[in-house]
Amino acid sequence: MAEKLPDDQTAAFEAERPRLLRIATQVLGDAAEAEDVVQQAWLRLHGTRTEIDNLPGWLTTVTTRLCLDRLRVKVPIPDEEIEVVGTAPDPADDIALADTVGVALQVVLDRMSPKERVAFVLHDSFGFEFDTIASVLDTTPVAARKLASRARAKVAQPAPEDQLADWEVVDAFMAAARGGDFTQLLQLLAPDAVITADDAALLAGTPERIAGREEVATFFNGAAHAAFSVFLGERPGAAWIHRGEPKVAFDFRIVDGRVQEITFRAAPELLAGVRRREGPKVR
């Protein structure tokens, strides 16, 4: 039976637990499973008799390898070998994660190989050096860099089947607006996104025009609590509904998985055709 951990080591583990949970959650995409993995790491620590010089590094390695084991069970496909040609940095490393990661990230992550996923999350989300990632994955730093680069390319240019449907983009946008998730709003908006309005909507008090991703995100941030998911004809959208009647419809134009334009519409003939649809519950 393993001896009881020293109090200082127990305290050090508890200090590391939130960080380990963040890593495991991002790698696995499941908070409950991440909790289980971190608990397993605790049991590994409790059971080891080897002196540990760098406890945070040891815990990171153990946690990540436990995640990798679980991913391999979920994706029982052998990792493709990385052919290393030279050691120059890959130009894809210059891609800014904040500009490419949207709400479809989890879908793309699920299509990565386990090693790609681990390399991408550890480097792009947590800033680990490739030497460290290589030791976790039992590979070379150059191969670890290639894994992360290949994963990043999948995020930057997702396959058509990885892109969200228009209704998913609309509902994710409205949920982010109600929740005040400014970062998510930015990720869902095209750089040159714009808000416009028809004449009837202007009379109802909507703005005439707002241009630019940040400006549109700022306008919607924390707003639209009374908006419901609707169909405008055959298009998914949202509408402000008062006493059972739509007053202003939010007509979305989605291009390549991002919101390009939102037009406020209140023309009676358009509102007459608004139909409620299932969507996220209004808080």
Protein backbone atom coordinates (compact mmCIF):
# COMPACT_ATOMS: atom_id res chain seq x y z
CA MET A 1 0.00 0.00 0.00
CA ALA A 2 1.33 3.43 -0.89
CA GLU A 3 2.18 5.76 1.92
CA LYS A 4 0.13 8.87 2.53
CA LEU A 5 1.28 11.81 0.43
CA PRO A 6 3.10 14.61 2.25
CA ASP A 7 0.87 17.56 2.98
CA ASP A 8 2.95 19.85 0.77
CA GLN A 9 2.62 17.46 -2.20
CA THR A 10 -1.13 17.16 -1.64
CA ALA A 11 -1.42 20.94 -1.53
CA ALA A 12 0.68 21.21 -4.70
CA PHE A 13 -1.62 18.78 -6.50
CA GLU A 14 -4.72 20.72 -5.45
CA ALA A 15 -3.07 23.90 -6.71
CA GLU A 16 -2.49 22.21 -10.07
CA ARG A 17 -5.93 20.59 -10.28
CA PRO A 18 -7.74 23.51 -12.03
CA ARG A 19 -5.04 23.69 -14.71
CA LEU A 20 -5.10 19.92 -15.22
CA LEU A 21 -8.88 20.01 -15.53
CA ARG A 22 -8.67 22.72 -18.20
CA ILE A 23 -6.16 20.68 -20.19
CA ALA A 24 -8.14 17.44 -19.89
CA THR A 25 -11.43 19.15 -20.73
CA GLN A 26 -10.04 20.74 -23.88
CA VAL A 27 -8.33 17.56 -25.01
CA LEU A 28 -11.30 15.28 -24.32
CA GLY A 29 -14.16 17.71 -24.89
CA ASP A 30 -16.01 16.30 -21.87
CA ALA A 31 -15.87 17.91 -18.42
CA ALA A 32 -17.03 14.80 -16.56
CA GLU A 33 -14.45 12.62 -18.30
CA ALA A 34 -11.80 15.24 -17.55
CA GLU A 35 -12.65 15.06 -13.85
CA ASP A 36 -12.20 11.31 -14.00
CA VAL A 37 -8.81 11.60 -15.72
CA VAL A 38 -7.51 14.12 -13.18
CA GLN A 39 -8.66 11.83 -10.38
CA GLN A 40 -6.71 9.03 -12.04
CA ALA A 41 -3.65 11.29 -12.12
CA TRP A 42 -4.12 11.84 -8.39
CA LEU A 43 -4.21 8.08 -7.85
CA ARG A 44 -1.05 7.67 -9.92
CA LEU A 45 0.65 10.29 -7.80
CA HIS A 46 -0.58 8.63 -4.64
CA GLY A 47 0.77 5.30 -5.84
CA THR A 48 4.22 6.38 -6.97
CA ARG A 49 7.28 6.00 -4.79
CA THR A 50 9.60 7.73 -7.24
CA GLU A 51 10.93 11.10 -6.21
CA ILE A 52 9.39 13.78 -8.42
CA ASP A 53 11.57 16.81 -9.12
CA ASN A 54 9.01 18.73 -11.20
CA LEU A 55 5.52 17.94 -9.95
CA PRO A 56 3.60 20.27 -12.35
CA GLY A 57 5.45 18.77 -15.32
CA TRP A 58 4.92 15.23 -14.05
CA LEU A 59 1.21 15.82 -13.54
CA THR A 60 0.85 17.39 -16.97
CA THR A 61 2.51 14.42 -18.60
CA VAL A 62 0.46 11.85 -16.69
CA THR A 63 -2.82 13.68 -17.26
CA THR A 64 -2.17 14.18 -20.95
CA ARG A 65 -1.14 10.55 -21.49
CA LEU A 66 -4.29 9.39 -19.73
CA CYS A 67 -6.28 11.62 -22.09
CA LEU A 68 -4.37 10.19 -25.05
CA ASP A 69 -5.23 6.65 -23.96
CA ARG A 70 -8.92 7.57 -23.87
CA LEU A 71 -8.80 9.24 -27.25
CA ARG A 72 -7.19 6.15 -28.75
CA VAL A 73 -10.07 4.05 -27.45
CA LYS A 74 -12.56 6.45 -29.04
CA VAL A 75 -10.58 6.68 -32.28
CA PRO A 76 -9.05 3.23 -32.77
CA ILE A 77 -7.15 4.28 -35.88
CA PRO A 78 -3.33 4.05 -35.88
CA ASP A 79 -1.70 7.47 -35.84
CA GLU A 80 -0.18 8.27 -39.20
CA GLU A 81 3.57 8.49 -39.06
CA ILE A 82 4.97 11.98 -39.52
CA GLU A 83 7.62 12.25 -42.21
CA VAL A 84 10.15 14.80 -40.99
CA VAL A 85 11.88 16.77 -43.72
CA GLY A 86 14.18 19.44 -42.32
CA THR A 87 13.68 21.36 -39.10
CA ALA A 88 12.47 24.77 -40.28
CA PRO A 89 9.32 26.09 -38.55
CA ASP A 90 6.13 25.42 -40.44
CA PRO A 91 4.52 28.64 -41.77
CA ALA A 92 1.18 27.42 -40.42
CA ASP A 93 2.49 28.11 -36.91
CA ASP A 94 1.91 31.80 -37.61
CA ILE A 95 -1.85 31.27 -37.85
CA ALA A 96 -3.50 33.01 -34.91
CA LEU A 97 -5.78 30.63 -33.04
CA ALA A 98 -8.13 33.42 -32.01
CA ASP A 99 -8.84 34.21 -35.66
CA THR A 100 -9.62 30.66 -36.69
CA VAL A 101 -11.28 28.83 -33.81
CA GLY A 102 -15.05 29.06 -33.76
CA VAL A 103 -17.87 27.07 -32.26
CA ALA A 104 -17.15 24.24 -34.70
CA LEU A 105 -13.78 23.57 -33.04
CA GLN A 106 -15.04 20.54 -31.14
CA VAL A 107 -16.30 19.00 -34.35
CA VAL A 108 -12.88 19.49 -35.96
CA LEU A 109 -11.10 18.18 -32.86
CA ASP A 110 -13.17 15.01 -33.04
CA ARG A 111 -11.84 14.38 -36.55
CA MET A 112 -8.18 14.80 -35.56
CA SER A 113 -5.98 11.87 -34.69
CA PRO A 114 -5.33 11.57 -30.94
CA LYS A 115 -1.75 12.83 -31.27
CA GLU A 116 -2.79 15.79 -33.44
CA ARG A 117 -5.41 16.75 -30.91
CA VAL A 118 -3.03 16.59 -27.95
CA ALA A 119 -0.28 18.51 -29.76
CA PHE A 120 -2.72 21.20 -30.89
CA VAL A 121 -4.36 21.74 -27.50
CA LEU A 122 -1.11 21.72 -25.52
CA HIS A 123 0.66 24.13 -27.85
CA ASP A 124 -2.06 26.47 -29.09
CA SER A 125 -4.25 26.61 -26.00
CA PHE A 126 -1.70 26.24 -23.22
CA GLY A 127 1.57 27.38 -24.79
CA PHE A 128 3.65 24.28 -24.13
CA GLU A 129 6.96 24.06 -25.99
CA PHE A 130 7.33 21.30 -28.55
CA ASP A 131 10.12 19.69 -26.54
CA THR A 132 7.62 19.10 -23.74
CA ILE A 133 4.89 17.94 -26.11
CA ALA A 134 7.34 15.54 -27.76
CA SER A 135 8.11 13.93 -24.41
CA VAL A 136 4.41 13.50 -23.70
CA LEU A 137 3.77 11.94 -27.11
CA ASP A 138 7.02 9.95 -27.12
CA THR A 139 8.14 11.52 -30.39
CA THR A 140 10.56 14.20 -31.60
CA PRO A 141 10.02 17.96 -31.24
CA VAL A 142 9.93 18.32 -35.03
CA ALA A 143 7.27 15.63 -35.34
CA ALA A 144 5.29 17.25 -32.51
CA ARG A 145 5.45 20.55 -34.38
CA LYS A 146 4.18 18.85 -37.53
CA LEU A 147 1.30 17.27 -35.62
CA ALA A 148 0.22 20.64 -34.22
CA SER A 149 0.64 22.31 -37.60
CA ARG A 150 -1.45 19.69 -39.36
CA ALA A 151 -4.16 20.02 -36.69
CA ARG A 152 -4.07 23.81 -36.98
CA ALA A 153 -4.55 23.59 -40.73
CA LYS A 154 -7.70 21.54 -40.15
CA VAL A 155 -9.01 24.25 -37.83
CA ALA A 156 -8.13 27.05 -40.25
CA GLN A 157 -9.78 25.31 -43.21
CA PRO A 158 -12.32 22.79 -41.89
CA ALA A 159 -13.74 20.23 -44.24
CA PRO A 160 -17.25 20.99 -45.53
CA GLU A 161 -18.73 18.32 -43.27
CA ASP A 162 -17.14 20.04 -40.24
CA GLN A 163 -18.87 23.38 -40.81
CA LEU A 164 -21.92 24.27 -38.77
CA ALA A 165 -25.30 24.44 -40.44
CA ASP A 166 -26.77 27.94 -40.76
CA TRP A 167 -29.31 27.32 -37.99
CA GLU A 168 -26.51 26.21 -35.66
CA VAL A 169 -24.59 29.42 -36.34
CA VAL A 170 -27.71 31.53 -35.74
CA ASP A 171 -28.57 29.77 -32.49
CA ALA A 172 -24.97 29.83 -31.25
CA PHE A 173 -24.83 33.56 -32.00
CA MET A 174 -28.05 34.31 -30.14
CA ALA A 175 -26.99 32.15 -27.19
CA ALA A 176 -23.67 34.03 -27.02
CA ALA A 177 -25.56 37.35 -27.19
CA ARG A 178 -27.86 36.42 -24.31
CA GLY A 179 -24.96 35.03 -22.28
CA GLY A 180 -22.76 38.07 -22.83
CA ASP A 181 -20.01 35.93 -24.40
CA PHE A 182 -18.19 38.63 -26.34
CA THR A 183 -15.37 36.34 -27.44
CA GLN A 184 -17.81 33.83 -28.89
CA LEU A 185 -19.66 36.59 -30.72
CA LEU A 186 -16.43 37.74 -32.32
CA GLN A 187 -15.62 34.19 -33.43
CA LEU A 188 -19.02 33.82 -35.05
CA LEU A 189 -18.89 37.11 -36.96
CA ALA A 190 -17.18 37.75 -40.28
CA PRO A 191 -14.56 40.55 -40.13
CA ASP A 192 -16.76 42.86 -42.20
CA ALA A 193 -20.06 41.91 -40.55
CA VAL A 194 -22.81 44.47 -40.73
CA ILE A 195 -26.24 45.20 -39.23
CA THR A 196 -28.89 46.84 -41.41
CA ALA A 197 -32.64 47.42 -41.10
CA ASP A 198 -35.71 47.85 -43.23
CA ASP A 199 -37.87 50.99 -42.95
CA ALA A 200 -40.41 49.36 -40.64
CA ALA A 201 -37.68 48.22 -38.26
CA LEU A 202 -36.19 51.71 -38.20
CA LEU A 203 -39.58 53.07 -37.14
CA ALA A 204 -39.59 50.46 -34.36
CA GLY A 205 -36.30 51.89 -33.05
CA THR A 206 -33.62 49.59 -34.44
CA PRO A 207 -30.29 51.08 -35.56
CA GLU A 208 -29.99 51.91 -39.25
CA ARG A 209 -26.51 50.45 -39.74
CA ILE A 210 -23.66 49.08 -37.63
CA ALA A 211 -20.52 47.94 -39.43
CA GLY A 212 -17.57 45.88 -38.27
CA ARG A 213 -17.13 42.70 -36.23
CA GLU A 214 -16.38 44.39 -32.91
CA GLU A 215 -19.15 46.94 -33.31
CA VAL A 216 -21.75 44.27 -34.09
CA ALA A 217 -20.53 42.09 -31.22
CA THR A 218 -20.70 45.04 -28.83
CA PHE A 219 -24.28 45.81 -29.88
CA PHE A 220 -25.45 42.25 -29.27
CA ASN A 221 -23.32 41.50 -26.21
CA GLY A 222 -25.66 40.74 -23.31
CA ALA A 223 -28.73 41.59 -25.39
CA ALA A 224 -31.57 39.78 -27.21
CA HIS A 225 -33.01 38.08 -24.13
CA ALA A 226 -36.51 38.31 -25.61
CA ALA A 227 -35.52 36.88 -28.99
CA PHE A 228 -36.71 33.42 -30.03
CA SER A 229 -35.59 31.02 -32.74
CA VAL A 230 -37.76 31.30 -35.86
CA PHE A 231 -37.97 30.59 -39.55
CA LEU A 232 -38.19 33.53 -41.93
CA GLY A 233 -39.66 31.69 -44.88
CA GLU A 234 -37.19 28.81 -45.14
CA ARG A 235 -34.26 30.66 -43.51
CA PRO A 236 -33.33 30.18 -39.85
CA GLY A 237 -33.34 33.40 -37.88
CA ALA A 238 -34.56 34.95 -34.66
CA ALA A 239 -37.29 37.37 -33.70
CA TRP A 240 -38.30 39.62 -30.83
CA ILE A 241 -41.73 38.33 -29.86
CA HIS A 242 -44.07 40.32 -27.60
CA ARG A 243 -47.32 38.80 -26.29
CA GLY A 244 -47.11 36.03 -28.83
CA GLU A 245 -46.60 38.34 -31.82
CA PRO A 246 -43.28 38.84 -33.67
CA LYS A 247 -42.35 42.50 -33.62
CA VAL A 248 -38.88 42.53 -35.20
CA ALA A 249 -37.21 39.66 -37.07
CA PHE A 250 -33.44 39.16 -37.17
CA ASP A 251 -32.64 37.99 -40.70
CA PHE A 252 -29.19 36.36 -40.80
CA ARG A 253 -26.94 35.91 -43.83
CA ILE A 254 -24.34 33.22 -43.14
CA VAL A 255 -21.23 32.87 -45.30
CA ASP A 256 -18.71 30.07 -44.71
CA GLY A 257 -20.00 29.38 -41.22
CA ARG A 258 -19.91 33.00 -40.00
CA VAL A 259 -22.47 35.77 -39.68
CA GLN A 260 -21.96 38.17 -42.57
CA GLU A 261 -25.07 40.31 -42.13
CA ILE A 262 -28.04 40.70 -39.80
CA THR A 263 -30.99 42.65 -41.11
CA PHE A 264 -33.70 43.80 -38.72
CA ARG A 265 -37.04 43.39 -40.48
CA ALA A 266 -40.46 44.52 -39.28
CA ALA A 267 -42.43 44.74 -42.53
CA PRO A 268 -45.89 43.30 -41.78
CA GLU A 269 -45.85 40.95 -44.77
CA LEU A 270 -42.56 39.41 -43.61
CA LEU A 271 -43.61 39.13 -39.96
CA ALA A 272 -46.79 37.36 -41.06
CA GLY A 273 -44.64 34.49 -42.34
CA VAL A 274 -42.47 34.11 -39.23
CA ARG A 275 -42.73 30.65 -37.67
CA ARG A 276 -41.34 29.52 -34.34
CA ARG A 277 -38.76 26.72 -34.39
CA GLU A 278 -36.94 24.72 -31.78
CA GLY A 279 -33.82 26.42 -30.47
CA PRO A 280 -31.90 27.20 -27.28
CA LYS A 281 -34.18 28.09 -24.39
CA VAL A 282 -34.32 31.78 -23.53
CA ARG A 283 -32.79 32.38 -20.12
